[in-house]
């Protein structure tokens, strides 16, 4: 089974189990990207409601 996460190297697939199901296994880059997307990038003195689009 091909999936975008596997193509980009974010996840790998396990071997098929007895039911023929492959598990997605997150690689190191998954956790690094997750940390980037969950951190607050705005300085503490800037409020989001004051930002213009």
PDB file of N, CA and C in Angstrom:
ATOM      1  N   UNK A   1       0.847  -1.184   0.000  1.00  0.00           N
ATOM      2  CA  UNK A   1       0.000   0.000   0.000  1.00  0.00           C
ATOM      3  C   UNK A   1       0.890   1.245   0.000  1.00  0.00           C
ATOM      4  N   UNK A   2       0.726   2.090  -0.979  1.00  0.00           N
ATOM      5  CA  UNK A   2       1.482   3.335  -1.031  1.00  0.00           C
ATOM      6  C   UNK A   2       0.670   4.448  -0.396  1.00  0.00           C
ATOM      7  N   UNK A   3       1.359   5.343   0.281  1.00  0.00           N
ATOM      8  CA  UNK A   3       0.695   6.491   0.894  1.00  0.00           C
ATOM      9  C   UNK A   3       1.661   7.657   0.890  1.00  0.00           C
ATOM     10  N   UNK A   4       1.146   8.867   0.942  1.00  0.00           N
ATOM     11  CA  UNK A   4       1.988  10.050   0.878  1.00  0.00           C
ATOM     12  C   UNK A   4       3.034  10.076   1.977  1.00  0.00           C
ATOM     13  N   UNK A   5       2.652   9.728   3.200  1.00  0.00           N
ATOM     14  CA  UNK A   5       3.591   9.771   4.309  1.00  0.00           C
ATOM     15  C   UNK A   5       4.784   8.844   4.054  1.00  0.00           C
ATOM     16  N   UNK A   6       4.527   7.731   3.411  1.00  0.00           N
ATOM     17  CA  UNK A   6       5.618   6.809   3.120  1.00  0.00           C
ATOM     18  C   UNK A   6       6.474   7.361   1.990  1.00  0.00           C
ATOM     19  N   UNK A   7       5.864   7.957   0.989  1.00  0.00           N
ATOM     20  CA  UNK A   7       6.629   8.518  -0.123  1.00  0.00           C
ATOM     21  C   UNK A   7       7.589   9.589   0.356  1.00  0.00           C
ATOM     22  N   UNK A   8       7.148  10.411   1.292  1.00  0.00           N
ATOM     23  CA  UNK A   8       7.978  11.492   1.809  1.00  0.00           C
ATOM     24  C   UNK A   8       8.922  11.018   2.903  1.00  0.00           C
ATOM     25  N   UNK A   9       8.863   9.788   3.313  1.00  0.00           N
ATOM     26  CA  UNK A   9       9.765   9.263   4.319  1.00  0.00           C
ATOM     27  C   UNK A   9       9.359   9.596   5.741  1.00  0.00           C
ATOM     28  N   UNK A  10       8.121  10.045   5.939  1.00  0.00           N
ATOM     29  CA  UNK A  10       7.660  10.411   7.273  1.00  0.00           C
ATOM     30  C   UNK A  10       7.260   9.170   8.060  1.00  0.00           C
ATOM     31  N   UNK A  11       6.635   8.239   7.403  1.00  0.00           N
ATOM     32  CA  UNK A  11       6.248   6.967   8.014  1.00  0.00           C
ATOM     33  C   UNK A  11       6.834   5.829   7.204  1.00  0.00           C
ATOM     34  N   UNK A  12       7.000   4.721   7.848  1.00  0.00           N
ATOM     35  CA  UNK A  12       7.329   3.491   7.137  1.00  0.00           C
ATOM     36  C   UNK A  12       6.215   2.495   7.419  1.00  0.00           C
ATOM     37  N   UNK A  13       6.205   1.423   6.681  1.00  0.00           N
ATOM     38  CA  UNK A  13       5.196   0.392   6.879  1.00  0.00           C
ATOM     39  C   UNK A  13       5.846  -0.856   7.441  1.00  0.00           C
ATOM     40  N   UNK A  14       5.160  -1.481   8.381  1.00  0.00           N
ATOM     41  CA  UNK A  14       5.645  -2.737   8.940  1.00  0.00           C
ATOM     42  C   UNK A  14       5.341  -3.863   7.964  1.00  0.00           C
ATOM     43  N   UNK A  15       5.845  -5.022   8.283  1.00  0.00           N
ATOM     44  CA  UNK A  15       5.453  -6.203   7.520  1.00  0.00           C
ATOM     45  C   UNK A  15       3.985  -6.489   7.803  1.00  0.00           C
ATOM     46  N   UNK A  16       3.327  -7.158   6.880  1.00  0.00           N
ATOM     47  CA  UNK A  16       1.919  -7.499   7.089  1.00  0.00           C
ATOM     48  C   UNK A  16       1.796  -8.512   8.215  1.00  0.00           C
ATOM     49  N   UNK A  17       0.784  -8.296   9.051  1.00  0.00           N
ATOM     50  CA  UNK A  17       0.533  -9.263  10.128  1.00  0.00           C
ATOM     51  C   UNK A  17      -0.325 -10.403   9.589  1.00  0.00           C
ATOM     52  N   UNK A  18      -0.788 -11.266  10.474  1.00  0.00           N
ATOM     53  CA  UNK A  18      -1.559 -12.444  10.037  1.00  0.00           C
ATOM     54  C   UNK A  18      -2.881 -12.069   9.365  1.00  0.00           C
ATOM     55  N   UNK A  19      -3.371 -10.847   9.592  1.00  0.00           N
ATOM     56  CA  UNK A  19      -4.596 -10.385   8.946  1.00  0.00           C
ATOM     57  C   UNK A  19      -4.317  -9.631   7.644  1.00  0.00           C
ATOM     58  N   UNK A  20      -3.044  -9.486   7.299  1.00  0.00           N
ATOM     59  CA  UNK A  20      -2.660  -8.784   6.079  1.00  0.00           C
ATOM     60  C   UNK A  20      -2.634  -7.272   6.226  1.00  0.00           C
ATOM     61  N   UNK A  21      -2.555  -6.801   7.466  1.00  0.00           N
ATOM     62  CA  UNK A  21      -2.570  -5.355   7.731  1.00  0.00           C
ATOM     63  C   UNK A  21      -1.145  -4.883   8.009  1.00  0.00           C
ATOM     64  N   UNK A  22      -0.767  -3.760   7.392  1.00  0.00           N
ATOM     65  CA  UNK A  22       0.527  -3.144   7.648  1.00  0.00           C
ATOM     66  C   UNK A  22       0.337  -1.975   8.604  1.00  0.00           C
ATOM     67  N   UNK A  23       1.179  -1.870   9.615  1.00  0.00           N
ATOM     68  CA  UNK A  23       1.115  -0.752  10.556  1.00  0.00           C
ATOM     69  C   UNK A  23       1.993   0.382  10.053  1.00  0.00           C
ATOM     70  N   UNK A  24       1.556   1.614  10.301  1.00  0.00           N
ATOM     71  CA  UNK A  24       2.370   2.781   9.993  1.00  0.00           C
ATOM     72  C   UNK A  24       3.297   3.031  11.171  1.00  0.00           C
ATOM     73  N   UNK A  25       4.560   3.192  10.887  1.00  0.00           N
ATOM     74  CA  UNK A  25       5.550   3.424  11.935  1.00  0.00           C
ATOM     75  C   UNK A  25       6.174   4.801  11.694  1.00  0.00           C
ATOM     76  N   UNK A  26       5.927   5.755  12.606  1.00  0.00           N
ATOM     77  CA  UNK A  26       6.511   7.087  12.429  1.00  0.00           C
ATOM     78  C   UNK A  26       8.037   7.037  12.533  1.00  0.00           C
ATOM     79  N   UNK A  27       8.686   7.787  11.639  1.00  0.00           N
ATOM     80  CA  UNK A  27      10.139   7.911  11.694  1.00  0.00           C
ATOM     81  C   UNK A  27      10.506   9.166  12.470  1.00  0.00           C
ATOM     82  N   UNK A  28      11.779   9.382  12.681  1.00  0.00           N
ATOM     83  CA  UNK A  28      12.264  10.519  13.471  1.00  0.00           C
ATOM     84  C   UNK A  28      11.740  11.847  12.910  1.00  0.00           C
ATOM     85  N   UNK A  29      11.694  11.997  11.602  1.00  0.00           N
ATOM     86  CA  UNK A  29      11.262  13.249  10.989  1.00  0.00           C
ATOM     87  C   UNK A  29       9.811  13.568  11.343  1.00  0.00           C
ATOM     88  N   UNK A  30       8.977  12.566  11.579  1.00  0.00           N
ATOM     89  CA  UNK A  30       7.592  12.805  11.990  1.00  0.00           C
ATOM     90  C   UNK A  30       7.561  13.624  13.283  1.00  0.00           C
ATOM     91  N   UNK A  31       8.358  13.209  14.247  1.00  0.00           N
ATOM     92  CA  UNK A  31       8.371  13.884  15.537  1.00  0.00           C
ATOM     93  C   UNK A  31       9.006  15.272  15.441  1.00  0.00           C
ATOM     94  N   UNK A  32       9.996  15.419  14.553  1.00  0.00           N
ATOM     95  CA  UNK A  32      10.609  16.734  14.358  1.00  0.00           C
ATOM     96  C   UNK A  32       9.620  17.708  13.712  1.00  0.00           C
ATOM     97  N   UNK A  33       8.889  17.252  12.703  1.00  0.00           N
ATOM     98  CA  UNK A  33       7.881  18.100  12.072  1.00  0.00           C
ATOM     99  C   UNK A  33       6.746  18.427  13.034  1.00  0.00           C
ATOM    100  N   UNK A  34       6.345  17.449  13.823  1.00  0.00           N
ATOM    101  CA  UNK A  34       5.292  17.677  14.813  1.00  0.00           C
ATOM    102  C   UNK A  34       5.708  18.768  15.792  1.00  0.00           C
ATOM    103  N   UNK A  35       6.958  18.736  16.239  1.00  0.00           N
ATOM    104  CA  UNK A  35       7.455  19.755  17.166  1.00  0.00           C
ATOM    105  C   UNK A  35       7.454  21.131  16.512  1.00  0.00           C
ATOM    106  N   UNK A  36       7.821  21.204  15.240  1.00  0.00           N
ATOM    107  CA  UNK A  36       7.823  22.487  14.533  1.00  0.00           C
ATOM    108  C   UNK A  36       6.416  23.063  14.413  1.00  0.00           C
ATOM    109  N   UNK A  37       5.448  22.217  14.111  1.00  0.00           N
ATOM    110  CA  UNK A  37       4.082  22.682  13.905  1.00  0.00           C
ATOM    111  C   UNK A  37       3.338  22.974  15.195  1.00  0.00           C
ATOM    112  N   UNK A  38       3.832  22.491  16.318  1.00  0.00           N
ATOM    113  CA  UNK A  38       3.122  22.722  17.575  1.00  0.00           C
ATOM    114  C   UNK A  38       3.749  23.807  18.434  1.00  0.00           C
ATOM    115  N   UNK A  39       4.895  24.340  18.025  1.00  0.00           N
ATOM    116  CA  UNK A  39       5.505  25.394  18.825  1.00  0.00           C
ATOM    117  C   UNK A  39       4.915  26.759  18.477  1.00  0.00           C
ATOM    118  N   UNK A  40       4.939  27.654  19.424  1.00  0.00           N
ATOM    119  CA  UNK A  40       4.422  29.005  19.232  1.00  0.00           C
ATOM    120  C   UNK A  40       5.509  29.842  18.572  1.00  0.00           C
ATOM    121  N   UNK A  41       5.254  30.311  17.349  1.00  0.00           N
ATOM    122  CA  UNK A  41       6.266  31.041  16.606  1.00  0.00           C
ATOM    123  C   UNK A  41       6.197  32.546  16.821  1.00  0.00           C
ATOM    124  N   UNK A  42       5.130  33.032  17.457  1.00  0.00           N
ATOM    125  CA  UNK A  42       5.005  34.459  17.699  1.00  0.00           C
ATOM    126  C   UNK A  42       5.741  34.857  18.970  1.00  0.00           C
ATOM    127  N   UNK A  43       6.394  36.018  18.955  1.00  0.00           N
ATOM    128  CA  UNK A  43       6.987  36.506  20.193  1.00  0.00           C
ATOM    129  C   UNK A  43       5.905  36.700  21.252  1.00  0.00           C
ATOM    130  N   UNK A  44       6.277  36.622  22.497  1.00  0.00           N
ATOM    131  CA  UNK A  44       5.310  36.695  23.599  1.00  0.00           C
ATOM    132  C   UNK A  44       4.543  38.013  23.635  1.00  0.00           C
ATOM    133  N   UNK A  45       5.149  39.109  23.141  1.00  0.00           N
ATOM    134  CA  UNK A  45       4.491  40.408  23.211  1.00  0.00           C
ATOM    135  C   UNK A  45       3.585  40.706  22.006  1.00  0.00           C
ATOM    136  N   UNK A  46       3.439  39.762  21.056  1.00  0.00           N
ATOM    137  CA  UNK A  46       2.584  39.957  19.886  1.00  0.00           C
ATOM    138  C   UNK A  46       1.307  39.144  20.065  1.00  0.00           C
ATOM    139  N   UNK A  47       0.176  39.794  19.869  1.00  0.00           N
ATOM    140  CA  UNK A  47      -1.095  39.094  19.986  1.00  0.00           C
ATOM    141  C   UNK A  47      -1.640  38.795  18.592  1.00  0.00           C
ATOM    142  N   UNK A  48      -2.192  37.602  18.416  1.00  0.00           N
ATOM    143  CA  UNK A  48      -2.679  37.180  17.112  1.00  0.00           C
ATOM    144  C   UNK A  48      -3.766  38.100  16.557  1.00  0.00           C
ATOM    145  N   UNK A  49      -4.626  38.628  17.415  1.00  0.00           N
ATOM    146  CA  UNK A  49      -5.717  39.467  16.931  1.00  0.00           C
ATOM    147  C   UNK A  49      -5.217  40.790  16.349  1.00  0.00           C
ATOM    148  N   UNK A  50      -3.951  41.168  16.630  1.00  0.00           N
ATOM    149  CA  UNK A  50      -3.384  42.400  16.095  1.00  0.00           C
ATOM    150  C   UNK A  50      -2.690  42.192  14.752  1.00  0.00           C
ATOM    151  N   UNK A  51      -2.591  40.968  14.295  1.00  0.00           N
ATOM    152  CA  UNK A  51      -1.925  40.676  13.015  1.00  0.00           C
ATOM    153  C   UNK A  51      -2.874  40.915  11.858  1.00  0.00           C
ATOM    154  N   UNK A  52      -2.339  41.408  10.760  1.00  0.00           N
ATOM    155  CA  UNK A  52      -3.142  41.596   9.549  1.00  0.00           C
ATOM    156  C   UNK A  52      -2.851  40.442   8.606  1.00  0.00           C
ATOM    157  N   UNK A  53      -3.836  40.094   7.819  1.00  0.00           N
ATOM    158  CA  UNK A  53      -3.649  39.001   6.845  1.00  0.00           C
ATOM    159  C   UNK A  53      -2.868  39.485   5.654  1.00  0.00           C
TER     160      UNK A  53
END
